[in-house]
C-alpha atoms as a PDB file:
ATOM      1  CA  ARG A   1     278.842 -61.945-186.945  1.00  0.00           C
ATOM      2  CA  ALA A   2     280.232 -65.046-188.628  1.00  0.00           C
ATOM      3  CA  VAL A   3     277.288 -65.306-191.018  1.00  0.00           C
ATOM      4  CA  ARG A   4     277.636 -61.647-192.015  1.00  0.00           C
ATOM      5  CA  TRP A   5     281.370 -62.115-192.528  1.00  0.00           C
ATOM      6  CA  VAL A   6     280.809 -65.132-194.782  1.00  0.00           C
ATOM      7  CA  GLN A   7     278.202 -63.230-196.790  1.00  0.00           C
ATOM      8  CA  GLN A   8     280.673 -60.389-197.288  1.00  0.00           C
ATOM      9  CA  MET A   9     283.478 -62.759-198.285  1.00  0.00           C
ATOM     10  CA  GLU A  10     281.293 -65.010-200.462  1.00  0.00           C
ATOM     11  CA  PRO A  11     278.208 -63.049-201.603  1.00  0.00           C
ATOM     12  CA  ASN A  12     276.806 -66.068-203.477  1.00  0.00           C
ATOM     13  CA  VAL A  13     276.708 -68.335-200.420  1.00  0.00           C
ATOM     14  CA  GLN A  14     273.272 -69.885-199.937  1.00  0.00           C
ATOM     15  CA  HIS A  15     273.774 -72.600-197.327  1.00  0.00           C
ATOM     16  CA  VAL A  16     275.388 -73.145-193.937  1.00  0.00           C
ATOM     17  CA  VAL A  17     276.413 -76.723-193.140  1.00  0.00           C
ATOM     18  CA  VAL A  18     276.548 -77.763-189.498  1.00  0.00           C
ATOM     19  CA  ALA A  19     277.893 -81.203-188.640  1.00  0.00           C
ATOM     20  CA  GLY A  20     279.452 -83.295-185.899  1.00  0.00           C
ATOM     21  CA  GLY A  21     278.597 -83.011-182.217  1.00  0.00           C
ATOM     22  CA  VAL A  22     277.411 -79.424-182.636  1.00  0.00           C
ATOM     23  CA  ALA A  23     274.701 -80.564-185.036  1.00  0.00           C
ATOM     24  CA  ALA A  24     273.632 -83.278-182.579  1.00  0.00           C
ATOM     25  CA  ASN A  25     272.794 -80.658-179.935  1.00  0.00           C
ATOM     26  CA  GLN A  26     269.131 -79.768-180.526  1.00  0.00           C
ATOM     27  CA  ALA A  27     269.339 -76.436-178.665  1.00  0.00           C
ATOM     28  CA  VAL A  28     272.360 -75.341-180.691  1.00  0.00           C
ATOM     29  CA  ARG A  29     270.736 -76.560-183.904  1.00  0.00           C
ATOM     30  CA  THR A  30     267.566 -74.564-183.147  1.00  0.00           C
ATOM     31  CA  GLN A  31     269.478 -71.360-182.391  1.00  0.00           C
ATOM     32  CA  LEU A  32     271.725 -71.699-185.428  1.00  0.00           C
ATOM     33  CA  THR A  33     268.709 -72.311-187.650  1.00  0.00           C
ATOM     34  CA  ALA A  34     267.158 -69.045-186.439  1.00  0.00           C
ATOM     35  CA  VAL A  35     270.382 -67.091-187.084  1.00  0.00           C
ATOM     36  CA  VAL A  36     270.917 -68.633-190.503  1.00  0.00           C
ATOM     37  CA  GLU A  37     267.305 -68.129-191.624  1.00  0.00           C
ATOM     38  CA  LYS A  38     267.360 -64.504-190.414  1.00  0.00           C
ATOM     39  CA  ALA A  39     270.327 -63.995-192.764  1.00  0.00           C
ATOM     40  CA  GLY A  40     268.310 -65.452-195.649  1.00  0.00           C
ATOM     41  CA  LEU A  41     270.328 -68.657-195.844  1.00  0.00           C
ATOM     42  CA  VAL A  42     269.439 -72.334-195.534  1.00  0.00           C
ATOM     43  CA  MET A  43     270.984 -74.502-192.823  1.00  0.00           C
ATOM     44  CA  VAL A  44     271.868 -78.053-193.825  1.00  0.00           C
ATOM     45  CA  CYS A  45     272.508 -80.775-191.248  1.00  0.00           C
ATOM     46  CA  PRO A  46     272.963 -84.491-191.677  1.00  0.00           C
ATOM     47  CA  PRO A  47     270.614 -86.755-189.722  1.00  0.00           C
ATOM     48  CA  ILE A  48     271.232 -86.554-185.958  1.00  0.00           C
ATOM     49  CA  ARG A  49     272.123 -90.261-185.864  1.00  0.00           C
ATOM     50  CA  MET A  50     275.160 -89.382-187.989  1.00  0.00           C
ATOM     51  CA  CYS A  51     276.291 -86.401-185.894  1.00  0.00           C
ATOM     52  CA  THR A  52     277.891 -88.028-182.874  1.00  0.00           C
ATOM     53  CA  ASP A  53     281.053 -89.472-184.392  1.00  0.00           C
ATOM     54  CA  ASN A  54     283.415 -87.168-186.265  1.00  0.00           C
ATOM     55  CA  GLY A  55     284.656 -90.116-188.334  1.00  0.00           C
ATOM     56  CA  VAL A  56     281.140 -90.603-189.638  1.00  0.00           C
ATOM     57  CA  MET A  57     280.976 -86.899-190.513  1.00  0.00           C
ATOM     58  CA  VAL A  58     284.238 -87.097-192.443  1.00  0.00           C
ATOM     59  CA  ALA A  59     282.891 -90.096-194.364  1.00  0.00           C
ATOM     60  CA  TRP A  60     279.553 -88.356-195.018  1.00  0.00           C
ATOM     61  CA  THR A  61     281.347 -85.256-196.308  1.00  0.00           C
ATOM     62  CA  GLY A  62     283.490 -87.432-198.566  1.00  0.00           C
ATOM     63  CA  LEU A  63     280.417 -89.179-199.937  1.00  0.00           C
ATOM     64  CA  GLU A  64     278.690 -85.862-200.678  1.00  0.00           C
ATOM     65  CA  ARG A  65     281.825 -84.539-202.409  1.00  0.00           C
ATOM     66  CA  LEU A  66     282.135 -87.758-204.424  1.00  0.00           C
ATOM     67  CA  LYS A  67     278.508 -87.434-205.587  1.00  0.00           C
ATOM     68  CA  LEU A  68     279.295 -83.886-206.760  1.00  0.00           C
ATOM     69  CA  GLY A  69     282.456 -85.011-208.568  1.00  0.00           C
ATOM     70  CA  LEU A  70     284.677 -83.049-206.153  1.00  0.00           C
ATOM     71  CA  TYR A  71     287.551 -85.446-205.609  1.00  0.00           C
ATOM     72  CA  ASP A  72     291.136 -86.074-206.656  1.00  0.00           C
ATOM     73  CA  ALA A  73     292.300 -89.262-208.298  1.00  0.00           C
ATOM     74  CA  PRO A  74     294.289 -91.558-205.996  1.00  0.00           C
ATOM     75  CA  PRO A  75     298.079 -91.170-206.252  1.00  0.00           C
ATOM     76  CA  ALA A  76     300.007 -93.500-208.537  1.00  0.00           C
ATOM     77  CA  LYS A  77     301.574 -96.513-206.821  1.00  0.00           C
ATOM     78  CA  ASP A  78     305.085 -95.226-207.438  1.00  0.00           C
ATOM     79  CA  ALA A  79     304.182 -91.919-205.770  1.00  0.00           C
ATOM     80  CA  LEU A  80     303.213 -93.530-202.481  1.00  0.00           C
ATOM     81  CA  GLU A  81     305.574 -93.206-199.567  1.00  0.00           C
ATOM     82  CA  TYR A  82     305.638 -96.172-197.215  1.00  0.00           C
ATOM     83  CA  SER A  83     307.832 -94.765-194.462  1.00  0.00           C
ATOM     84  CA  VAL A  84     306.593 -94.044-190.973  1.00  0.00           C
ATOM     85  CA  GLU A  85     308.317 -91.521-188.757  1.00  0.00           C
ATOM     86  CA  VAL A  86     309.056 -92.869-185.280  1.00  0.00           C
ATOM     87  CA  ARG A  87     309.588 -90.358-182.513  1.00  0.00           C
END
């Protein structure tokens, strides 16, 4: 159902990206591949060695976005806030 919903919402979608611990599970990866391919899409997963730590996945996603030019410039020094809220 989720794949159909995405295709309705974004008709030009061509890929499904699966990452993190879910992508490290070979049984889940196999089943998702079958569902995605049946819908005419391509499933993209990073190497399994990079799928166990969510921090690695965040870094990998950032690297891929950087390569595509999809990033914001860092904030100016005077715009940074150095306070920390203590509860």
